[in-house]
Amino acid sequence: MCASAAKAALSVRKTVLVVDPQRRIHQLLNRMVSGEGWNLAEAPDNEAALSLMKESSYDLVITGQRTSTRQDLDLLQKIRGIRPHVRMIVLTDRKTPQDVIAALREQVFSFFSTPFNAEYFAHMVRLAMMEPCWDDGIEVIAATPKWIRLSVRCTRDAASRLVQFLRQADLPEVEREEVACASHEVVLNAMEHGANFDPDQYVEVSYLRTKRAIACRVKDPGKGFTLEELREAALSDPLDEFFLHPGVHEEQGVQGERFGMLLAMKLVDEIIHSEHGNDVVLIKHVDSPAPKSNLADYPSDA
């Protein structure tokens, strides 16, 4: 965070521009802006939002649910011609895997398809509004609807943003949340122990969708560590004890990274790690088959 930018941010009321807000979004944002001391502006459609951006600067743009992702990304490209560092959260009533990939490529701050969790949405809005010197933090290395490779900056905020994109996976709700939560724990562990949360370092995250399974691979830049201790802990201690009784992991000396990895082990079917422990793969089996793909799913620049 730049000190001068942080000081300037404190002296200027920040403003959220929301496009065609539905009642639920309007009420939620009204509560947030009053609590945080922000301003809230509204536009009836994307064209009006672009006109407002030409006249004034806004810290965050939240799109309307009724527009398509493609329309919202077109708006983002036009806005960035005027305001290069504007942040956008895409809301939409419909999405495809290609939409999520396109949003990642265009460096959208976050992405929500309905129905969505209001608490997660509020968290992403706060993240977007609280970083004066924001940079994307998530870069697409290569992507198809079945295999996405990302480079993620080693910060907690980037990890939180990554998980929200993972929540757009085409999975039943329970499995989707389990994969997202397990991935979050492993990514945080990689960022902390592989890079000491150094924002100049990156972890590589790959997400693969097969017909009957999800795999998430996390590779950090560190020297690694062994997971044998975690295996022994999982065998000797009933994992349910860690989750049914708050604080028990601290009493038993299970620190943050160990608890996080134990949680990940509980949520997925397999965890495979490299010899040095700095390359980890999570595997989750799913009952519902992945939608059939076709050649149109694979863009020529993927």
Protein backbone atom coordinates (compact mmCIF):
# COMPACT_ATOMS: atom_id res chain seq x y z
CA MET A 1 0.00 0.00 0.00
CA CYS A 2 1.40 3.42 -0.97
CA ALA A 3 1.52 5.75 2.04
CA SER A 4 0.58 8.83 0.00
CA ALA A 5 -2.35 7.03 -1.65
CA ALA A 6 -3.54 5.68 1.70
CA LYS A 7 -3.48 9.20 3.20
CA ALA A 8 -5.37 10.61 0.23
CA ALA A 9 -7.92 7.81 0.43
CA LEU A 10 -8.71 8.72 4.04
CA SER A 11 -9.47 12.33 3.11
CA VAL A 12 -11.87 11.56 0.24
CA ARG A 13 -15.21 9.79 0.58
CA LYS A 14 -15.19 6.72 -1.61
CA THR A 15 -18.04 6.02 -4.00
CA VAL A 16 -19.64 2.84 -5.29
CA LEU A 17 -21.43 3.01 -8.65
CA VAL A 18 -24.04 0.28 -9.00
CA VAL A 19 -25.86 -0.39 -12.26
CA ASP A 20 -29.58 -1.21 -12.26
CA PRO A 21 -29.62 -2.49 -8.67
CA GLN A 22 -32.16 -5.09 -7.65
CA ARG A 23 -33.91 -4.51 -4.33
CA ARG A 24 -31.70 -6.93 -2.38
CA ILE A 25 -28.51 -5.32 -3.71
CA HIS A 26 -29.84 -1.82 -3.11
CA GLN A 27 -30.66 -2.60 0.54
CA LEU A 28 -27.36 -4.36 1.18
CA LEU A 29 -25.24 -1.59 -0.33
CA ASN A 30 -27.21 1.11 1.48
CA ARG A 31 -26.40 -0.55 4.79
CA MET A 32 -22.75 -0.89 3.83
CA VAL A 33 -22.19 2.67 2.63
CA SER A 34 -23.85 4.16 5.72
CA GLY A 35 -21.72 1.98 7.98
CA GLU A 36 -18.45 2.62 6.13
CA GLY A 37 -18.98 6.30 5.30
CA TRP A 38 -19.01 5.72 1.53
CA ASN A 39 -21.18 7.31 -1.12
CA LEU A 40 -23.54 5.31 -3.33
CA ALA A 41 -24.40 6.27 -6.90
CA GLU A 42 -26.75 4.46 -9.26
CA ALA A 43 -27.08 4.17 -13.03
CA PRO A 44 -30.08 2.65 -14.85
CA ASP A 45 -27.95 0.83 -17.44
CA ASN A 46 -24.42 0.35 -18.75
CA GLU A 47 -24.63 3.30 -21.14
CA ALA A 48 -25.57 5.65 -18.29
CA ALA A 49 -22.79 4.18 -16.14
CA LEU A 50 -20.23 4.96 -18.84
CA SER A 51 -21.49 8.55 -19.08
CA LEU A 52 -21.14 8.97 -15.31
CA MET A 53 -17.61 7.59 -15.40
CA LYS A 54 -16.67 10.21 -17.99
CA GLU A 55 -17.81 12.93 -15.60
CA SER A 56 -16.57 11.61 -12.24
CA SER A 57 -14.28 9.01 -10.72
CA TYR A 58 -15.77 6.03 -8.88
CA ASP A 59 -13.85 3.53 -6.77
CA LEU A 60 -15.94 0.50 -7.66
CA VAL A 61 -18.48 -0.40 -10.33
CA ILE A 62 -21.00 -3.16 -9.62
CA THR A 63 -22.85 -4.36 -12.70
CA GLY A 64 -26.55 -5.13 -13.03
CA GLN A 65 -27.71 -8.71 -12.78
CA ARG A 66 -29.77 -8.62 -15.98
CA THR A 67 -26.90 -7.83 -18.33
CA SER A 68 -24.67 -10.56 -19.72
CA THR A 69 -21.06 -10.97 -18.69
CA ARG A 70 -19.97 -10.04 -22.21
CA GLN A 71 -21.90 -6.75 -22.00
CA ASP A 72 -20.35 -5.98 -18.62
CA LEU A 73 -16.82 -6.74 -19.86
CA ASP A 74 -17.41 -4.46 -22.85
CA LEU A 75 -18.37 -1.74 -20.34
CA LEU A 76 -15.22 -2.43 -18.32
CA GLN A 77 -13.00 -2.06 -21.39
CA LYS A 78 -14.59 1.29 -22.23
CA ILE A 79 -14.34 2.53 -18.64
CA ARG A 80 -10.67 1.60 -18.41
CA GLY A 81 -10.03 3.78 -21.43
CA ILE A 82 -11.01 6.63 -19.10
CA ARG A 83 -10.20 5.25 -15.63
CA PRO A 84 -7.44 2.62 -16.08
CA HIS A 85 -7.48 1.27 -12.53
CA VAL A 86 -11.20 1.04 -11.89
CA ARG A 87 -12.42 -2.08 -10.08
CA MET A 88 -15.50 -3.98 -11.21
CA ILE A 89 -17.60 -6.67 -9.55
CA VAL A 90 -19.73 -8.52 -12.07
CA LEU A 91 -23.21 -9.63 -11.03
CA THR A 92 -25.19 -11.76 -13.46
CA ASP A 93 -28.24 -13.99 -13.60
CA ARG A 94 -26.52 -16.29 -16.08
CA LYS A 95 -22.99 -17.46 -16.73
CA THR A 96 -20.92 -20.02 -18.61
CA PRO A 97 -17.40 -21.31 -17.87
CA GLN A 98 -16.21 -19.12 -20.73
CA ASP A 99 -17.72 -16.07 -18.98
CA VAL A 100 -15.72 -16.75 -15.82
CA ILE A 101 -12.51 -17.20 -17.82
CA ALA A 102 -13.18 -13.98 -19.74
CA ALA A 103 -13.73 -12.12 -16.46
CA LEU A 104 -10.41 -13.41 -15.13
CA ARG A 105 -8.61 -12.36 -18.32
CA GLU A 106 -10.11 -8.86 -18.10
CA GLN A 107 -8.99 -8.59 -14.45
CA VAL A 108 -12.47 -8.26 -13.00
CA PHE A 109 -12.14 -7.83 -9.25
CA SER A 110 -14.81 -10.43 -8.43
CA PHE A 111 -17.67 -12.36 -10.00
CA PHE A 112 -21.08 -13.39 -8.63
CA SER A 113 -23.82 -15.34 -10.37
CA THR A 114 -27.24 -15.64 -8.77
CA PRO A 115 -28.10 -16.97 -6.31
CA PHE A 116 -25.14 -15.81 -4.23
CA ASN A 117 -24.17 -15.46 -0.60
CA ALA A 118 -24.71 -11.89 0.67
CA GLU A 119 -21.90 -12.23 3.22
CA TYR A 120 -19.37 -13.20 0.52
CA PHE A 121 -20.59 -10.33 -1.64
CA ALA A 122 -20.20 -7.80 1.17
CA HIS A 123 -16.68 -9.10 1.86
CA MET A 124 -15.64 -8.63 -1.77
CA VAL A 125 -17.10 -5.11 -1.85
CA ARG A 126 -15.06 -4.19 1.24
CA LEU A 127 -11.89 -5.67 -0.25
CA ALA A 128 -12.39 -3.70 -3.45
CA MET A 129 -12.98 -0.47 -1.55
CA MET A 130 -10.20 -0.77 1.03
CA GLU A 131 -7.11 -1.11 -1.18
CA PRO A 132 -5.87 2.35 -2.31
CA CYS A 133 -2.99 0.89 -4.37
CA TRP A 134 -4.84 -2.02 -5.88
CA ASP A 135 -3.32 -4.27 -8.51
CA ASP A 136 -5.00 -7.29 -9.99
CA GLY A 137 -3.16 -10.10 -8.23
CA ILE A 138 -4.64 -12.88 -10.40
CA GLU A 139 -3.20 -13.57 -13.85
CA VAL A 140 -4.41 -16.18 -16.34
CA ILE A 141 -1.52 -18.30 -17.61
CA ALA A 142 -3.75 -20.49 -19.79
CA ALA A 143 -7.40 -21.48 -19.67
CA THR A 144 -10.08 -23.70 -21.15
CA PRO A 145 -13.42 -24.54 -19.48
CA LYS A 146 -11.86 -27.78 -18.22
CA TRP A 147 -8.37 -26.61 -17.21
CA ILE A 148 -7.41 -23.22 -15.84
CA ARG A 149 -3.89 -22.19 -14.79
CA LEU A 150 -3.50 -19.03 -12.72
CA SER A 151 -0.70 -17.07 -11.12
CA VAL A 152 -1.89 -15.60 -7.81
CA ARG A 153 -0.11 -12.90 -5.81
CA CYS A 154 0.82 -14.01 -2.28
CA THR A 155 -1.67 -11.90 -0.33
CA ARG A 156 -4.72 -12.86 1.70
CA ASP A 157 -6.92 -10.58 -0.42
CA ALA A 158 -5.85 -12.30 -3.65
CA ALA A 159 -6.58 -15.67 -2.05
CA SER A 160 -10.08 -14.51 -1.08
CA ARG A 161 -10.73 -13.24 -4.60
CA LEU A 162 -9.50 -16.51 -6.09
CA VAL A 163 -11.92 -18.52 -3.96
CA GLN A 164 -14.88 -16.46 -5.14
CA PHE A 165 -13.97 -17.29 -8.75
CA LEU A 166 -13.74 -20.97 -7.77
CA ARG A 167 -17.27 -20.69 -6.39
CA GLN A 168 -18.45 -20.20 -9.97
CA ALA A 169 -17.61 -23.83 -10.78
CA ASP A 170 -20.33 -25.93 -12.37
CA LEU A 171 -20.85 -28.17 -9.33
CA PRO A 172 -23.62 -28.97 -6.82
CA GLU A 173 -23.64 -26.39 -4.05
CA VAL A 174 -22.16 -28.59 -1.31
CA GLU A 175 -19.28 -29.91 -3.43
CA ARG A 176 -18.60 -26.45 -4.82
CA GLU A 177 -18.23 -24.94 -1.36
CA GLU A 178 -16.10 -27.83 -0.12
CA VAL A 179 -13.68 -27.49 -3.04
CA ALA A 180 -13.53 -23.71 -2.63
CA CYS A 181 -12.89 -23.92 1.13
CA ALA A 182 -10.24 -26.65 0.82
CA SER A 183 -8.48 -24.76 -1.98
CA HIS A 184 -8.49 -21.59 0.11
CA GLU A 185 -6.76 -23.33 3.01
CA VAL A 186 -4.09 -24.88 0.80
CA VAL A 187 -3.48 -21.62 -1.08
CA LEU A 188 -3.11 -19.67 2.18
CA ASN A 189 -0.73 -22.32 3.49
CA ALA A 190 1.36 -22.03 0.30
CA MET A 191 1.41 -18.24 0.49
CA GLU A 192 2.43 -18.18 4.14
CA HIS A 193 5.02 -20.96 4.23
CA GLY A 194 6.21 -20.80 0.65
CA ALA A 195 6.44 -17.01 0.34
CA ASN A 196 5.85 -15.42 3.78
CA PHE A 197 2.97 -13.49 2.21
CA ASP A 198 5.45 -11.56 0.08
CA PRO A 199 3.30 -9.64 -2.48
CA ASP A 200 6.14 -9.86 -4.99
CA GLN A 201 5.85 -13.66 -4.96
CA TYR A 202 3.20 -15.79 -6.68
CA VAL A 203 1.69 -19.24 -6.27
CA GLU A 204 0.52 -21.18 -9.30
CA VAL A 205 -3.00 -22.59 -9.06
CA SER A 206 -4.45 -25.05 -11.58
CA TYR A 207 -8.11 -26.08 -11.61
CA LEU A 208 -9.16 -29.15 -13.61
CA ARG A 209 -12.65 -30.54 -14.19
CA THR A 210 -12.99 -34.15 -15.36
CA LYS A 211 -16.22 -36.04 -15.90
CA ARG A 212 -16.37 -37.25 -12.31
CA ALA A 213 -13.80 -35.26 -10.35
CA ILE A 214 -12.31 -31.87 -9.57
CA ALA A 215 -8.59 -31.39 -9.10
CA CYS A 216 -6.91 -28.27 -7.76
CA ARG A 217 -3.11 -28.03 -7.84
CA VAL A 218 -1.23 -25.42 -5.80
CA LYS A 219 2.48 -24.86 -6.32
CA ASP A 220 4.36 -22.35 -4.17
CA PRO A 221 7.83 -20.80 -4.66
CA GLY A 222 9.22 -22.06 -1.36
CA LYS A 223 11.43 -24.99 -0.39
CA GLY A 224 8.49 -26.98 0.89
CA PHE A 225 7.81 -29.09 3.98
CA THR A 226 6.59 -32.56 4.83
CA LEU A 227 2.93 -33.45 5.32
CA GLU A 228 3.64 -36.67 7.20
CA GLU A 229 2.88 -34.93 10.50
CA LEU A 230 -0.55 -34.03 9.18
CA ARG A 231 -1.20 -37.59 8.09
CA GLU A 232 -0.31 -38.83 11.59
CA ALA A 233 -2.55 -36.20 13.18
CA ALA A 234 -5.45 -37.16 10.93
CA LEU A 235 -5.05 -40.83 11.90
CA SER A 236 -4.56 -40.30 15.64
CA ASP A 237 -7.17 -37.58 16.24
CA PRO A 238 -10.82 -37.75 15.12
CA LEU A 239 -11.10 -34.85 12.70
CA ASP A 240 -14.66 -34.10 13.81
CA GLU A 241 -13.25 -33.00 17.16
CA PHE A 242 -11.48 -30.12 15.42
CA PHE A 243 -14.72 -28.79 13.98
CA LEU A 244 -17.35 -29.68 16.59
CA HIS A 245 -15.51 -28.03 19.48
CA PRO A 246 -14.19 -24.51 18.80
CA GLY A 247 -10.72 -23.90 20.19
CA VAL A 248 -9.80 -27.57 20.55
CA HIS A 249 -7.17 -27.30 17.83
CA GLU A 250 -5.41 -24.52 19.75
CA GLU A 251 -5.53 -26.49 23.02
CA GLN A 252 -3.95 -29.47 21.26
CA GLY A 253 -1.25 -27.34 19.70
CA VAL A 254 -2.64 -27.42 16.19
CA GLN A 255 -1.56 -24.11 14.73
CA GLY A 256 -3.10 -22.24 11.81
CA GLU A 257 -1.39 -23.97 8.92
CA ARG A 258 -1.85 -27.46 10.36
CA PHE A 259 -5.51 -26.83 11.15
CA GLY A 260 -6.06 -25.45 7.65
CA MET A 261 -4.52 -28.51 6.02
CA LEU A 262 -6.52 -30.82 8.30
CA LEU A 263 -9.66 -28.98 7.23
CA ALA A 264 -8.72 -29.41 3.57
CA MET A 265 -8.12 -33.13 4.15
CA LYS A 266 -11.62 -33.44 5.61
CA LEU A 267 -13.32 -31.64 2.72
CA VAL A 268 -11.76 -33.45 -0.26
CA ASP A 269 -11.18 -37.13 -1.08
CA GLU A 270 -7.42 -37.03 -1.65
CA ILE A 271 -4.47 -34.74 -1.08
CA ILE A 272 -1.32 -35.61 -3.02
CA HIS A 273 1.91 -33.71 -2.44
CA SER A 274 5.33 -33.64 -4.03
CA GLU A 275 8.45 -34.94 -2.33
CA HIS A 276 9.24 -31.52 -0.83
CA GLY A 277 5.63 -30.56 -0.08
CA ASN A 278 5.61 -27.36 -2.14
CA ASP A 279 3.36 -28.82 -4.83
CA VAL A 280 -0.04 -30.09 -3.64
CA VAL A 281 -3.02 -31.55 -5.52
CA LEU A 282 -6.53 -31.75 -4.09
CA ILE A 283 -8.97 -34.24 -5.61
CA LYS A 284 -12.74 -34.22 -5.04
CA HIS A 285 -14.99 -36.86 -6.62
CA VAL A 286 -18.42 -35.66 -7.74
CA ASP A 287 -21.60 -37.59 -8.57
CA SER A 288 -22.86 -35.28 -11.29
CA PRO A 289 -20.95 -35.52 -14.59
CA ALA A 290 -19.44 -32.41 -16.12
CA PRO A 291 -21.38 -30.91 -19.05
CA LYS A 292 -20.20 -32.18 -22.41
CA SER A 293 -17.80 -29.83 -24.14
CA ASN A 294 -17.31 -29.05 -27.77
CA LEU A 295 -14.68 -27.35 -29.88
CA ALA A 296 -16.31 -23.96 -29.29
CA ASP A 297 -15.33 -24.28 -25.62
CA TYR A 298 -11.66 -23.90 -26.47
CA PRO A 299 -10.63 -20.39 -27.58
CA SER A 300 -7.70 -20.25 -29.95
CA ASP A 301 -5.64 -18.12 -27.54
CA ALA A 302 -6.08 -20.43 -24.53
